[in-house]
């Protein structure tokens, strides 16, 4: 029986990982969120992990309030950097695999072709900077790690898709950014990819997003089309939107390492959002 600790179990990815791993009769899931385990406290983490003696730790916990992170650096750093550091130290202590999740925000968004795993990170905001520090700590303290960088994630929880659908209920039109492009990725697809690799020895950093890309405005149009909403999408620039934190204008990730080292392929983003909308209904 394999034991797997999942942190951030109540988040979108944590829930998707539970659905993906749940049917495995040879796996015992130990689900934790901040109430059960504060990953920012090294003593708590060491005690918990030594008691459980897991085969793997899957870190789905993160501080994801991108704009708030600009004024709340310490908390973002504790959760996004110190947390993964603590989990990595504990994983090495009990000889467990460390499975970590990172983000497209580690890049500056100035590229003209999809980012691959060995492109140089250059985060622009607090969120991306703290996530990159988390990646670096995982590399530094884990003996066996897999880091999955993803983007534009949506699943069972608060997300862009649900926000747009909620707005469509009482708005004839919505203004959505058109000059930022990326790959909308379902938490289900990401969980499948992570599970496909976590029982292998295929260690390292992987880009992990659905295939294809679009702008936020085009993504919204597809959401409304699939959900049969008549709400009009008005494209605006990121400057017009005026978010507190900088976002990568171009954040398309190429799943280069997954394709080179395994036979795993993500679904196209159109197919993934189609499945998600159908399941919501």
Protein backbone atom coordinates (compact mmCIF):
# COMPACT_ATOMS: atom_id res chain seq x y z
CA UNK A 1 0.00 0.00 0.00
CA UNK A 2 1.48 3.32 -1.11
CA UNK A 3 0.89 6.34 1.12
CA UNK A 4 0.55 9.73 -0.55
CA UNK A 5 0.22 13.04 1.28
CA UNK A 6 -1.71 15.71 -0.62
CA UNK A 7 -1.38 19.28 0.64
CA UNK A 8 -3.95 21.88 -0.41
CA UNK A 9 -6.47 19.06 -0.77
CA UNK A 10 -9.45 21.45 -0.87
CA UNK A 11 -8.15 23.44 -3.84
CA UNK A 12 -8.98 22.80 -7.49
CA UNK A 13 -5.96 20.60 -8.12
CA UNK A 14 -6.14 18.87 -4.74
CA UNK A 15 -9.70 17.80 -5.51
CA UNK A 16 -8.77 16.66 -9.01
CA UNK A 17 -5.87 14.60 -7.63
CA UNK A 18 -8.27 12.89 -5.21
CA UNK A 19 -10.60 11.96 -8.06
CA UNK A 20 -7.68 10.66 -10.13
CA UNK A 21 -6.00 8.68 -7.33
CA UNK A 22 -9.17 7.66 -5.46
CA UNK A 23 -9.91 4.50 -7.52
CA UNK A 24 -6.41 3.08 -6.87
CA UNK A 25 -6.98 0.38 -4.22
CA UNK A 26 -3.23 0.17 -3.54
CA UNK A 27 -2.99 3.85 -2.51
CA UNK A 28 -3.82 5.45 0.82
CA UNK A 29 -4.41 9.20 0.47
CA UNK A 30 -3.57 11.42 3.42
CA UNK A 31 -5.35 14.69 2.64
CA UNK A 32 -4.25 17.88 4.36
CA UNK A 33 -5.09 21.54 4.14
CA UNK A 34 -3.92 24.34 6.40
CA UNK A 35 -6.18 23.11 9.25
CA UNK A 36 -4.40 19.73 9.31
CA UNK A 37 -0.89 20.83 8.35
CA UNK A 38 0.65 24.30 8.12
CA UNK A 39 3.36 23.72 5.52
CA UNK A 40 5.08 27.00 6.46
CA UNK A 41 6.15 25.53 9.86
CA UNK A 42 9.12 23.20 9.50
CA UNK A 43 8.68 21.46 12.87
CA UNK A 44 5.02 20.66 12.13
CA UNK A 45 5.90 19.35 8.67
CA UNK A 46 8.75 17.14 9.92
CA UNK A 47 6.62 15.67 12.71
CA UNK A 48 3.67 14.97 10.40
CA UNK A 49 5.73 13.46 7.57
CA UNK A 50 7.82 11.30 9.91
CA UNK A 51 4.61 9.89 11.44
CA UNK A 52 2.99 9.14 8.08
CA UNK A 53 6.16 7.96 6.27
CA UNK A 54 4.66 8.62 2.80
CA UNK A 55 5.95 7.29 -0.51
CA UNK A 56 5.22 10.66 -2.07
CA UNK A 57 4.19 14.20 -1.11
CA UNK A 58 2.04 16.04 -3.66
CA UNK A 59 2.09 19.78 -2.96
CA UNK A 60 -1.10 21.37 -4.31
CA UNK A 61 -0.99 24.19 -1.74
CA UNK A 62 -0.22 27.68 -3.04
CA UNK A 63 -0.82 31.37 -2.48
CA UNK A 64 -2.53 32.26 -5.77
CA UNK A 65 -3.92 35.77 -5.13
CA UNK A 66 -1.72 37.33 -7.82
CA UNK A 67 -2.62 40.98 -7.17
CA UNK A 68 -2.73 40.68 -3.38
CA UNK A 69 0.74 39.11 -3.38
CA UNK A 70 2.20 42.48 -4.39
CA UNK A 71 1.31 43.91 -0.96
CA UNK A 72 1.44 40.62 0.98
CA UNK A 73 4.91 39.41 0.03
CA UNK A 74 5.71 37.70 3.34
CA UNK A 75 2.63 35.45 3.28
CA UNK A 76 3.06 34.66 -0.42
CA UNK A 77 6.73 33.78 0.21
CA UNK A 78 5.91 31.61 3.21
CA UNK A 79 3.32 29.54 1.32
CA UNK A 80 4.91 29.48 -2.16
CA UNK A 81 8.58 29.18 -1.17
CA UNK A 82 9.07 28.18 2.48
CA UNK A 83 6.24 25.61 2.27
CA UNK A 84 7.77 23.66 -0.64
CA UNK A 85 11.19 23.96 1.05
CA UNK A 86 9.83 22.39 4.24
CA UNK A 87 8.03 19.61 2.37
CA UNK A 88 11.17 18.87 0.33
CA UNK A 89 13.34 18.62 3.45
CA UNK A 90 10.80 16.25 4.99
CA UNK A 91 10.45 14.21 1.78
CA UNK A 92 14.21 13.66 1.68
CA UNK A 93 14.22 12.74 5.37
CA UNK A 94 11.78 9.83 4.78
CA UNK A 95 12.97 9.06 1.23
CA UNK A 96 9.66 10.13 -0.37
CA UNK A 97 9.13 11.60 -3.82
CA UNK A 98 8.34 15.32 -3.92
CA UNK A 99 5.68 16.30 -6.47
CA UNK A 100 5.35 20.08 -6.80
CA UNK A 101 3.26 22.47 -8.89
CA UNK A 102 4.50 25.75 -10.33
CA UNK A 103 3.35 28.33 -12.84
CA UNK A 104 3.80 30.13 -16.16
CA UNK A 105 4.35 33.30 -14.08
CA UNK A 106 8.00 32.29 -13.57
CA UNK A 107 8.54 33.72 -17.10
CA UNK A 108 8.38 37.39 -18.10
CA UNK A 109 5.99 36.89 -21.01
CA UNK A 110 8.15 38.57 -23.66
CA UNK A 111 8.73 35.39 -25.72
CA UNK A 112 7.49 34.93 -29.28
CA UNK A 113 7.45 31.13 -29.20
CA UNK A 114 6.27 28.70 -26.50
CA UNK A 115 8.47 28.46 -23.41
CA UNK A 116 10.30 25.16 -22.87
CA UNK A 117 11.60 23.89 -19.53
CA UNK A 118 15.16 25.16 -20.03
CA UNK A 119 14.20 28.72 -20.99
CA UNK A 120 15.43 31.25 -18.43
CA UNK A 121 12.83 32.23 -15.83
CA UNK A 122 12.38 35.95 -15.23
CA UNK A 123 9.29 36.53 -13.06
CA UNK A 124 7.93 40.07 -12.98
CA UNK A 125 5.56 40.06 -10.00
CA UNK A 126 5.56 38.85 -6.41
CA UNK A 127 3.50 35.74 -7.22
CA UNK A 128 5.90 34.55 -9.94
CA UNK A 129 8.97 35.42 -7.88
CA UNK A 130 7.77 33.45 -4.85
CA UNK A 131 6.77 30.48 -7.02
CA UNK A 132 10.24 30.45 -8.62
CA UNK A 133 11.82 30.47 -5.16
CA UNK A 134 9.64 27.46 -4.33
CA UNK A 135 10.92 25.66 -7.44
CA UNK A 136 14.50 26.42 -6.45
CA UNK A 137 14.01 25.12 -2.91
CA UNK A 138 12.48 21.89 -4.27
CA UNK A 139 15.54 21.40 -6.50
CA UNK A 140 17.86 22.19 -3.60
CA UNK A 141 16.34 19.97 -0.91
CA UNK A 142 14.60 17.09 -2.75
CA UNK A 143 16.46 13.99 -3.81
CA UNK A 144 13.64 12.87 -6.13
CA UNK A 145 11.31 15.58 -7.39
CA UNK A 146 8.89 16.36 -10.20
CA UNK A 147 7.85 19.97 -10.69
CA UNK A 148 4.90 20.61 -13.01
CA UNK A 149 4.52 24.16 -14.34
CA UNK A 150 0.98 24.84 -15.43
CA UNK A 151 -1.15 27.82 -16.48
CA UNK A 152 -4.67 29.26 -16.55
CA UNK A 153 -5.98 26.47 -14.31
CA UNK A 154 -9.66 25.82 -13.76
CA UNK A 155 -11.46 23.01 -11.92
CA UNK A 156 -13.73 22.40 -8.94
CA UNK A 157 -13.45 25.73 -7.13
CA UNK A 158 -13.20 29.46 -7.71
CA UNK A 159 -11.83 30.16 -11.20
CA UNK A 160 -12.03 32.31 -14.33
CA UNK A 161 -14.59 30.08 -16.07
CA UNK A 162 -17.06 30.26 -13.19
CA UNK A 163 -16.50 34.01 -12.81
CA UNK A 164 -17.35 34.60 -16.48
CA UNK A 165 -20.43 32.37 -16.30
CA UNK A 166 -21.59 34.18 -13.17
CA UNK A 167 -21.15 37.57 -14.89
CA UNK A 168 -23.10 36.31 -17.89
CA UNK A 169 -26.15 35.82 -15.68
CA UNK A 170 -26.72 39.56 -15.25
CA UNK A 171 -24.51 41.27 -17.85
CA UNK A 172 -25.26 41.81 -21.56
CA UNK A 173 -21.54 42.26 -22.16
CA UNK A 174 -18.23 41.68 -20.37
CA UNK A 175 -14.86 43.37 -20.93
CA UNK A 176 -12.04 40.81 -21.15
CA UNK A 177 -8.31 41.18 -21.82
CA UNK A 178 -7.33 40.30 -25.38
CA UNK A 179 -3.55 40.94 -25.38
CA UNK A 180 -2.51 38.14 -23.01
CA UNK A 181 -2.25 34.65 -24.49
CA UNK A 182 -1.83 31.27 -22.81
CA UNK A 183 -3.17 27.74 -22.59
CA UNK A 184 -6.31 27.23 -20.48
CA UNK A 185 -5.73 24.00 -18.52
CA UNK A 186 -8.25 21.88 -16.68
CA UNK A 187 -7.28 20.60 -13.23
CA UNK A 188 -8.47 17.17 -14.37
CA UNK A 189 -5.99 17.16 -17.26
CA UNK A 190 -3.16 18.33 -15.00
CA UNK A 191 -3.98 15.68 -12.38
CA UNK A 192 -3.97 12.95 -15.05
CA UNK A 193 -0.55 14.09 -16.26
CA UNK A 194 0.89 14.19 -12.75
CA UNK A 195 -0.44 10.73 -11.90
CA UNK A 196 0.94 9.37 -15.20
CA UNK A 197 4.47 10.31 -14.07
CA UNK A 198 4.47 10.09 -10.28
CA UNK A 199 4.97 6.32 -10.15
CA UNK A 200 7.89 6.49 -12.60
CA UNK A 201 11.50 7.61 -12.16
CA UNK A 202 10.99 10.45 -14.66
CA UNK A 203 12.25 13.24 -12.40
CA UNK A 204 12.76 16.92 -13.15
CA UNK A 205 10.78 19.96 -14.30
CA UNK A 206 7.87 19.60 -16.73
CA UNK A 207 5.61 22.04 -18.49
CA UNK A 208 2.07 20.76 -18.11
CA UNK A 209 -0.72 22.61 -19.93
CA UNK A 210 -3.47 21.72 -22.34
CA UNK A 211 -2.50 21.85 -26.02
CA UNK A 212 -3.20 24.98 -28.05
CA UNK A 213 -3.54 28.59 -26.93
CA UNK A 214 -5.81 31.63 -26.97
CA UNK A 215 -6.38 35.03 -25.38
CA UNK A 216 -8.55 35.52 -22.31
CA UNK A 217 -11.17 37.16 -24.53
CA UNK A 218 -11.22 34.23 -26.97
CA UNK A 219 -11.37 31.80 -24.06
CA UNK A 220 -14.40 33.66 -22.72
CA UNK A 221 -16.11 33.55 -26.13
CA UNK A 222 -15.64 29.77 -26.21
CA UNK A 223 -16.99 29.41 -22.65
CA UNK A 224 -20.11 31.38 -23.58
CA UNK A 225 -20.56 29.46 -26.84
CA UNK A 226 -20.41 26.10 -25.05
CA UNK A 227 -22.66 27.28 -22.21
CA UNK A 228 -25.10 28.81 -24.75
CA UNK A 229 -24.80 32.33 -23.31
CA UNK A 230 -25.59 35.40 -25.40
CA UNK A 231 -23.34 37.74 -23.41
CA UNK A 232 -21.08 39.78 -25.69
CA UNK A 233 -17.32 39.81 -25.10
CA UNK A 234 -15.68 43.25 -25.46
CA UNK A 235 -11.90 42.84 -25.95
CA UNK A 236 -9.75 45.27 -23.92
CA UNK A 237 -6.01 45.60 -23.30
CA UNK A 238 -4.27 44.59 -20.09
CA UNK A 239 -3.41 48.28 -19.61
CA UNK A 240 -7.09 49.18 -19.80
CA UNK A 241 -7.94 46.47 -17.26
CA UNK A 242 -5.29 47.86 -14.91
CA UNK A 243 -4.50 44.91 -12.60
CA UNK A 244 -2.23 45.60 -9.61
CA UNK A 245 0.28 42.89 -10.57
CA UNK A 246 1.98 42.43 -13.95
CA UNK A 247 0.92 39.35 -15.90
CA UNK A 248 2.86 37.63 -18.69
CA UNK A 249 1.55 38.87 -22.05
CA UNK A 250 2.74 35.62 -23.63
CA UNK A 251 2.65 32.58 -21.35
CA UNK A 252 2.29 29.63 -23.70
CA UNK A 253 4.21 26.65 -22.34
CA UNK A 254 5.43 23.81 -24.56
CA UNK A 255 5.19 20.42 -22.81
CA UNK A 256 8.60 19.60 -24.26
CA UNK A 257 9.98 17.32 -21.54
CA UNK A 258 6.75 15.29 -21.18
CA UNK A 259 6.72 14.66 -24.93
CA UNK A 260 10.44 13.77 -25.03
CA UNK A 261 10.49 11.49 -21.99
CA UNK A 262 7.03 9.91 -21.96
CA UNK A 263 4.10 9.15 -24.23
CA UNK A 264 1.75 11.40 -22.26
CA UNK A 265 -0.25 13.96 -24.25
CA UNK A 266 -2.57 16.61 -22.84
CA UNK A 267 -5.98 17.20 -24.38
CA UNK A 268 -6.49 20.26 -26.57
CA UNK A 269 -7.85 23.18 -24.52
CA UNK A 270 -11.05 23.27 -26.64
CA UNK A 271 -11.83 19.64 -25.74
CA UNK A 272 -10.97 20.13 -22.07
CA UNK A 273 -13.26 23.14 -21.59
CA UNK A 274 -16.02 21.38 -23.53
CA UNK A 275 -15.81 18.44 -21.10
CA UNK A 276 -15.73 20.81 -18.10
CA UNK A 277 -18.83 22.78 -19.20
CA UNK A 278 -20.74 19.54 -19.88
CA UNK A 279 -19.83 18.19 -16.43
CA UNK A 280 -20.89 21.47 -14.79
CA UNK A 281 -24.31 21.17 -16.43
